[in-house]
N, C-alpha and C. Protein backbone atom coordinates (compact mmCIF):
# COMPACT_ATOMS: atom_id res chain seq x y z
N MET A 1 -105.77 82.38 -86.54
CA MET A 1 -106.70 81.47 -87.19
C MET A 1 -106.97 81.99 -88.59
N GLY A 2 -106.77 81.13 -89.57
CA GLY A 2 -107.09 81.48 -90.95
C GLY A 2 -108.24 80.64 -91.44
N LEU A 3 -109.25 81.27 -92.01
CA LEU A 3 -110.41 80.53 -92.50
C LEU A 3 -110.15 79.88 -93.85
N ILE A 4 -109.07 80.30 -94.53
CA ILE A 4 -108.79 79.76 -95.85
C ILE A 4 -107.28 79.82 -96.07
N THR A 5 -106.76 78.80 -96.73
CA THR A 5 -105.32 78.82 -97.01
C THR A 5 -105.06 79.82 -98.14
N ASN A 6 -103.85 80.32 -98.22
CA ASN A 6 -103.49 81.25 -99.29
C ASN A 6 -103.69 80.62 -100.66
N LYS A 7 -103.33 79.36 -100.78
CA LYS A 7 -103.47 78.65 -102.06
C LYS A 7 -104.93 78.51 -102.47
N ASP A 8 -105.80 78.08 -101.53
CA ASP A 8 -107.23 77.96 -101.85
C ASP A 8 -107.82 79.32 -102.19
N GLU A 9 -107.44 80.34 -101.44
CA GLU A 9 -107.95 81.68 -101.70
C GLU A 9 -107.55 82.14 -103.10
N ALA A 10 -106.30 81.97 -103.46
CA ALA A 10 -105.83 82.39 -104.78
C ALA A 10 -106.54 81.61 -105.89
N ASN A 11 -106.68 80.30 -105.72
CA ASN A 11 -107.36 79.49 -106.74
C ASN A 11 -108.82 79.88 -106.91
N LEU A 12 -109.52 80.07 -105.79
CA LEU A 12 -110.94 80.43 -105.86
C LEU A 12 -111.14 81.85 -106.39
N LEU A 13 -110.28 82.78 -105.99
CA LEU A 13 -110.38 84.14 -106.52
C LEU A 13 -110.14 84.16 -108.03
N HIS A 14 -109.19 83.35 -108.49
CA HIS A 14 -108.93 83.26 -109.93
C HIS A 14 -110.17 82.73 -110.67
N ALA A 15 -110.75 81.65 -110.16
CA ALA A 15 -111.96 81.09 -110.78
C ALA A 15 -113.09 82.10 -110.74
N GLN A 16 -113.25 82.77 -109.61
CA GLN A 16 -114.31 83.78 -109.49
C GLN A 16 -114.12 84.89 -110.51
N ASP A 17 -112.90 85.39 -110.66
CA ASP A 17 -112.62 86.47 -111.62
C ASP A 17 -112.96 86.05 -113.05
N ILE A 18 -112.63 84.83 -113.42
CA ILE A 18 -112.95 84.35 -114.77
C ILE A 18 -114.46 84.26 -114.95
N LEU A 19 -115.16 83.73 -113.97
CA LEU A 19 -116.62 83.59 -114.08
C LEU A 19 -117.32 84.94 -114.10
N ILE A 20 -116.77 85.92 -113.39
CA ILE A 20 -117.32 87.27 -113.44
C ILE A 20 -117.08 87.88 -114.82
N SER A 21 -115.87 87.71 -115.34
CA SER A 21 -115.54 88.32 -116.63
C SER A 21 -116.33 87.72 -117.78
N ASN A 22 -116.70 86.44 -117.70
CA ASN A 22 -117.49 85.86 -118.79
C ASN A 22 -118.99 85.92 -118.53
N GLY A 23 -119.39 86.57 -117.43
CA GLY A 23 -120.80 86.80 -117.15
C GLY A 23 -121.53 85.63 -116.50
N SER A 24 -120.80 84.60 -116.09
CA SER A 24 -121.45 83.44 -115.47
C SER A 24 -122.01 83.74 -114.08
N ILE A 25 -121.34 84.63 -113.37
CA ILE A 25 -121.82 85.06 -112.06
C ILE A 25 -121.69 86.57 -111.96
N ASN A 26 -122.44 87.15 -111.03
CA ASN A 26 -122.32 88.59 -110.77
C ASN A 26 -121.17 88.83 -109.81
N LYS A 27 -120.61 90.01 -109.89
CA LYS A 27 -119.48 90.35 -109.03
C LYS A 27 -119.93 90.41 -107.57
N LYS A 28 -119.20 89.71 -106.74
CA LYS A 28 -119.42 89.74 -105.29
C LYS A 28 -118.05 89.91 -104.67
N GLU A 29 -117.85 91.03 -104.04
CA GLU A 29 -116.53 91.33 -103.46
C GLU A 29 -116.08 90.28 -102.46
N SER A 30 -117.01 89.74 -101.70
CA SER A 30 -116.59 88.86 -100.60
C SER A 30 -117.02 87.42 -100.79
N LEU A 31 -117.33 86.98 -102.01
CA LEU A 31 -117.82 85.62 -102.21
C LEU A 31 -116.85 84.57 -101.66
N VAL A 32 -115.59 84.69 -101.97
CA VAL A 32 -114.61 83.71 -101.49
C VAL A 32 -114.53 83.72 -99.97
N HIS A 33 -114.62 84.89 -99.37
CA HIS A 33 -114.57 84.96 -97.91
C HIS A 33 -115.87 84.46 -97.28
N MET A 34 -117.00 84.67 -97.97
CA MET A 34 -118.26 84.09 -97.50
C MET A 34 -118.17 82.57 -97.54
N ILE A 35 -117.56 82.03 -98.60
CA ILE A 35 -117.35 80.59 -98.70
C ILE A 35 -116.51 80.10 -97.53
N ALA A 36 -115.39 80.76 -97.29
CA ALA A 36 -114.49 80.34 -96.21
C ALA A 36 -115.20 80.35 -94.86
N TYR A 37 -115.97 81.40 -94.60
CA TYR A 37 -116.66 81.50 -93.31
C TYR A 37 -117.73 80.42 -93.18
N ARG A 38 -118.48 80.17 -94.26
CA ARG A 38 -119.54 79.16 -94.21
C ARG A 38 -118.95 77.77 -94.01
N VAL A 39 -117.88 77.45 -94.73
CA VAL A 39 -117.25 76.13 -94.58
C VAL A 39 -116.71 75.98 -93.16
N TYR A 40 -116.10 77.03 -92.65
CA TYR A 40 -115.60 77.00 -91.26
C TYR A 40 -116.76 76.76 -90.29
N THR A 41 -117.87 77.44 -90.49
CA THR A 41 -119.03 77.28 -89.62
C THR A 41 -119.57 75.85 -89.67
N GLU A 42 -119.70 75.31 -90.89
CA GLU A 42 -120.16 73.92 -91.03
C GLU A 42 -119.20 72.97 -90.32
N TRP A 43 -117.92 73.21 -90.49
CA TRP A 43 -116.88 72.37 -89.89
C TRP A 43 -116.99 72.40 -88.36
N CYS A 44 -117.19 73.59 -87.80
CA CYS A 44 -117.34 73.71 -86.34
C CYS A 44 -118.56 72.95 -85.84
N MET A 45 -119.64 72.99 -86.61
CA MET A 45 -120.88 72.34 -86.19
C MET A 45 -120.77 70.81 -86.26
N GLU A 46 -119.80 70.30 -86.99
CA GLU A 46 -119.62 68.85 -87.11
C GLU A 46 -118.97 68.24 -85.88
N GLY A 47 -118.34 69.07 -85.05
CA GLY A 47 -117.68 68.56 -83.86
C GLY A 47 -116.61 67.54 -84.18
N ASN A 48 -115.65 67.94 -84.99
CA ASN A 48 -114.65 67.02 -85.49
C ASN A 48 -113.42 66.85 -84.61
N GLY A 49 -113.40 67.46 -83.45
CA GLY A 49 -112.32 67.23 -82.50
C GLY A 49 -111.12 68.16 -82.62
N ILE A 50 -111.11 69.05 -83.57
CA ILE A 50 -110.02 70.02 -83.69
C ILE A 50 -110.53 71.33 -83.13
N ILE A 51 -109.78 71.93 -82.22
CA ILE A 51 -110.26 73.17 -81.62
C ILE A 51 -110.15 74.33 -82.62
N TRP A 52 -111.04 75.27 -82.49
CA TRP A 52 -111.13 76.34 -83.48
C TRP A 52 -109.85 77.17 -83.57
N GLN A 53 -109.10 77.23 -82.47
CA GLN A 53 -107.87 78.02 -82.48
C GLN A 53 -106.82 77.46 -83.43
N THR A 54 -106.93 76.18 -83.76
CA THR A 54 -105.94 75.56 -84.65
C THR A 54 -106.47 75.40 -86.08
N TYR A 55 -107.66 75.92 -86.33
CA TYR A 55 -108.23 75.80 -87.68
C TYR A 55 -107.45 76.68 -88.65
N THR A 56 -107.05 76.09 -89.77
CA THR A 56 -106.26 76.84 -90.76
C THR A 56 -106.82 76.67 -92.17
N GLY A 57 -108.11 76.41 -92.27
CA GLY A 57 -108.72 76.26 -93.58
C GLY A 57 -108.75 74.84 -94.09
N GLN A 58 -108.42 73.87 -93.22
CA GLN A 58 -108.31 72.50 -93.66
C GLN A 58 -109.63 71.90 -94.17
N ALA A 59 -110.76 72.36 -93.67
CA ALA A 59 -112.04 71.80 -94.12
C ALA A 59 -112.29 72.14 -95.59
N LEU A 60 -112.00 73.36 -95.98
CA LEU A 60 -112.19 73.77 -97.38
C LEU A 60 -111.19 73.05 -98.28
N THR A 61 -109.94 72.99 -97.85
CA THR A 61 -108.92 72.30 -98.64
C THR A 61 -109.31 70.84 -98.86
N ARG A 62 -109.72 70.18 -97.79
CA ARG A 62 -110.11 68.76 -97.88
C ARG A 62 -111.32 68.59 -98.80
N PHE A 63 -112.31 69.47 -98.66
CA PHE A 63 -113.49 69.37 -99.51
C PHE A 63 -113.12 69.50 -100.98
N LEU A 64 -112.32 70.51 -101.32
CA LEU A 64 -111.93 70.71 -102.72
C LEU A 64 -111.12 69.54 -103.25
N GLU A 65 -110.18 69.04 -102.45
CA GLU A 65 -109.39 67.87 -102.87
C GLU A 65 -110.29 66.66 -103.09
N ASP A 66 -111.24 66.45 -102.18
CA ASP A 66 -112.17 65.31 -102.33
C ASP A 66 -113.03 65.45 -103.58
N GLU A 67 -113.54 66.64 -103.83
CA GLU A 67 -114.39 66.84 -105.01
C GLU A 67 -113.62 66.63 -106.31
N VAL A 68 -112.36 67.05 -106.33
CA VAL A 68 -111.53 66.79 -107.52
C VAL A 68 -111.35 65.28 -107.67
N HIS A 69 -111.06 64.59 -106.59
CA HIS A 69 -110.89 63.14 -106.63
C HIS A 69 -112.16 62.46 -107.14
N TYR A 70 -113.33 62.82 -106.60
CA TYR A 70 -114.59 62.21 -107.01
C TYR A 70 -114.87 62.48 -108.49
N HIS A 71 -114.61 63.70 -108.91
CA HIS A 71 -114.83 64.05 -110.32
C HIS A 71 -113.92 63.22 -111.23
N LEU A 72 -112.66 63.11 -110.87
CA LEU A 72 -111.73 62.33 -111.68
C LEU A 72 -112.14 60.86 -111.71
N SER A 73 -112.58 60.34 -110.58
CA SER A 73 -113.03 58.95 -110.53
C SER A 73 -114.22 58.72 -111.44
N ARG A 74 -115.18 59.65 -111.44
CA ARG A 74 -116.34 59.52 -112.31
C ARG A 74 -115.95 59.56 -113.79
N GLN A 75 -114.86 60.26 -114.08
CA GLN A 75 -114.39 60.39 -115.47
C GLN A 75 -113.44 59.26 -115.85
N GLY A 76 -113.05 58.44 -114.90
CA GLY A 76 -112.09 57.38 -115.17
C GLY A 76 -110.67 57.90 -115.38
N ILE A 77 -110.36 59.03 -114.75
CA ILE A 77 -109.05 59.66 -114.89
C ILE A 77 -108.24 59.38 -113.63
N GLU A 78 -106.98 59.04 -113.82
CA GLU A 78 -106.10 58.77 -112.69
C GLU A 78 -105.89 60.05 -111.88
N ASN A 79 -105.95 59.93 -110.58
CA ASN A 79 -105.78 61.06 -109.68
C ASN A 79 -104.28 61.31 -109.48
N ALA A 80 -103.65 61.96 -110.47
CA ALA A 80 -102.21 62.22 -110.43
C ALA A 80 -101.97 63.72 -110.48
N PRO A 81 -101.89 64.37 -109.32
CA PRO A 81 -101.70 65.82 -109.31
C PRO A 81 -100.51 66.24 -110.17
N ASN A 82 -100.68 67.40 -110.74
CA ASN A 82 -99.66 68.07 -111.54
C ASN A 82 -99.58 67.60 -112.99
N ASN A 83 -100.36 66.58 -113.41
CA ASN A 83 -100.39 66.35 -114.85
C ASN A 83 -101.42 67.30 -115.44
N ASP A 84 -101.31 67.58 -116.73
CA ASP A 84 -102.14 68.60 -117.36
C ASP A 84 -103.63 68.29 -117.26
N ARG A 85 -104.02 67.05 -117.44
CA ARG A 85 -105.44 66.69 -117.39
C ARG A 85 -105.99 66.89 -115.98
N TYR A 86 -105.21 66.51 -114.98
CA TYR A 86 -105.62 66.70 -113.59
C TYR A 86 -105.86 68.18 -113.31
N LEU A 87 -104.92 69.02 -113.72
CA LEU A 87 -105.04 70.46 -113.46
C LEU A 87 -106.24 71.06 -114.17
N LYS A 88 -106.52 70.61 -115.39
CA LYS A 88 -107.69 71.10 -116.13
C LYS A 88 -108.99 70.70 -115.42
N GLU A 89 -109.04 69.46 -114.98
CA GLU A 89 -110.26 68.99 -114.30
C GLU A 89 -110.41 69.65 -112.93
N LYS A 90 -109.31 69.91 -112.26
CA LYS A 90 -109.37 70.62 -110.97
C LYS A 90 -109.94 72.01 -111.17
N GLU A 91 -109.54 72.67 -112.25
CA GLU A 91 -110.07 74.00 -112.55
C GLU A 91 -111.58 73.94 -112.80
N ARG A 92 -112.05 72.90 -113.49
CA ARG A 92 -113.49 72.73 -113.71
C ARG A 92 -114.23 72.59 -112.38
N VAL A 93 -113.65 71.86 -111.45
CA VAL A 93 -114.26 71.69 -110.13
C VAL A 93 -114.30 73.03 -109.39
N LEU A 94 -113.23 73.81 -109.45
CA LEU A 94 -113.21 75.12 -108.80
C LEU A 94 -114.27 76.04 -109.38
N PHE A 95 -114.41 76.05 -110.71
CA PHE A 95 -115.44 76.87 -111.35
C PHE A 95 -116.83 76.41 -110.90
N ALA A 96 -117.03 75.10 -110.84
CA ALA A 96 -118.32 74.56 -110.40
C ALA A 96 -118.62 74.99 -108.97
N PHE A 97 -117.61 74.96 -108.12
CA PHE A 97 -117.81 75.34 -106.73
C PHE A 97 -118.17 76.82 -106.60
N ILE A 98 -117.51 77.67 -107.37
CA ILE A 98 -117.84 79.10 -107.33
C ILE A 98 -119.26 79.33 -107.83
N ARG A 99 -119.65 78.67 -108.93
CA ARG A 99 -121.03 78.83 -109.43
C ARG A 99 -122.04 78.34 -108.39
N TYR A 100 -121.75 77.16 -107.80
CA TYR A 100 -122.64 76.62 -106.78
C TYR A 100 -122.73 77.56 -105.57
N ALA A 101 -121.59 78.05 -105.11
CA ALA A 101 -121.58 78.96 -103.95
C ALA A 101 -122.35 80.23 -104.25
N ASP A 102 -122.18 80.77 -105.45
CA ASP A 102 -122.93 81.96 -105.84
C ASP A 102 -124.43 81.70 -105.74
N ASN A 103 -124.87 80.57 -106.25
CA ASN A 103 -126.28 80.20 -106.18
C ASN A 103 -126.71 79.94 -104.73
N PHE A 104 -125.88 79.26 -103.98
CA PHE A 104 -126.17 78.95 -102.58
C PHE A 104 -126.44 80.22 -101.78
N PHE A 105 -125.59 81.22 -101.94
CA PHE A 105 -125.75 82.45 -101.16
C PHE A 105 -126.92 83.29 -101.67
N LYS A 106 -127.25 83.19 -102.94
CA LYS A 106 -128.46 83.86 -103.44
C LYS A 106 -129.69 83.29 -102.76
N GLU A 107 -129.71 81.96 -102.62
CA GLU A 107 -130.84 81.30 -101.96
C GLU A 107 -130.91 81.64 -100.48
N CYS A 108 -129.77 81.88 -99.86
CA CYS A 108 -129.75 82.23 -98.44
C CYS A 108 -130.24 83.65 -98.20
N ILE A 109 -130.18 84.49 -99.22
CA ILE A 109 -130.58 85.89 -99.14
C ILE A 109 -129.97 86.55 -97.90
N GLY A 110 -128.69 86.39 -97.77
CA GLY A 110 -127.96 87.05 -96.69
C GLY A 110 -128.02 86.35 -95.36
N ASN A 111 -128.78 85.27 -95.25
CA ASN A 111 -128.87 84.56 -93.98
C ASN A 111 -127.87 83.41 -93.97
N LEU A 112 -126.68 83.66 -93.46
CA LEU A 112 -125.64 82.64 -93.44
C LEU A 112 -125.90 81.57 -92.39
N ARG A 113 -126.90 81.76 -91.58
CA ARG A 113 -127.21 80.78 -90.54
C ARG A 113 -128.14 79.69 -91.04
N ARG A 114 -128.52 79.75 -92.29
CA ARG A 114 -129.42 78.75 -92.85
C ARG A 114 -128.86 77.36 -92.57
N GLY A 115 -129.61 76.53 -91.91
CA GLY A 115 -129.09 75.25 -91.49
C GLY A 115 -129.59 74.05 -92.26
N ASP A 116 -130.43 74.25 -93.25
CA ASP A 116 -131.01 73.10 -93.94
C ASP A 116 -130.18 72.61 -95.12
N LYS A 117 -129.05 73.24 -95.36
CA LYS A 117 -128.26 72.90 -96.54
C LYS A 117 -126.80 73.22 -96.26
N ASN A 118 -125.91 72.34 -96.70
CA ASN A 118 -124.48 72.59 -96.54
C ASN A 118 -123.89 73.12 -97.84
N LEU A 119 -122.92 73.98 -97.71
CA LEU A 119 -122.19 74.46 -98.87
C LEU A 119 -121.33 73.35 -99.45
N ARG A 120 -120.81 72.51 -98.58
CA ARG A 120 -119.99 71.38 -99.04
C ARG A 120 -120.90 70.23 -99.41
N THR A 121 -121.16 70.11 -100.70
CA THR A 121 -122.02 69.06 -101.23
C THR A 121 -121.45 68.61 -102.55
N SER A 122 -121.96 67.53 -103.09
CA SER A 122 -121.46 67.05 -104.38
C SER A 122 -121.63 68.12 -105.44
N LEU A 123 -120.58 68.32 -106.20
CA LEU A 123 -120.61 69.33 -107.28
C LEU A 123 -120.88 68.71 -108.64
N GLN A 124 -121.21 67.43 -108.66
CA GLN A 124 -121.34 66.71 -109.93
C GLN A 124 -122.26 67.43 -110.91
N GLU A 125 -123.42 67.89 -110.47
CA GLU A 125 -124.34 68.54 -111.39
C GLU A 125 -123.91 69.94 -111.80
N TRP A 126 -122.92 70.50 -111.13
CA TRP A 126 -122.44 71.86 -111.43
C TRP A 126 -121.22 71.88 -112.34
N ILE A 127 -120.60 70.74 -112.53
CA ILE A 127 -119.39 70.67 -113.34
C ILE A 127 -119.77 70.66 -114.82
N ARG A 128 -119.19 71.60 -115.55
CA ARG A 128 -119.49 71.71 -116.99
C ARG A 128 -118.26 71.37 -117.79
């Protein structure tokens, strides 16, 4: 069972490293893995019909893909993966998600069981 795909992990770690280097967030060794575990936990609580043994990070992948799509739609940009504008906007969404997750876990103060808020939420206000 993998909580995060290699591709999502690499993309999020890259965004996290950039945000750490420019001072936007503080260094957290396990932020990306905390994200993966929290998304997995939320996914399990939704009762979506897929058994945990077959989970391979699809909830996080789907969330990120959806948020990129929503962001592009709000901007009036065609959702065409692999064109330069799409990739730039996808990176903005990844940065927004890392900033949001950093803030989310600060508010949790180490309590990952906090049930009043989901990590997977609209990133519109976090996209810069």
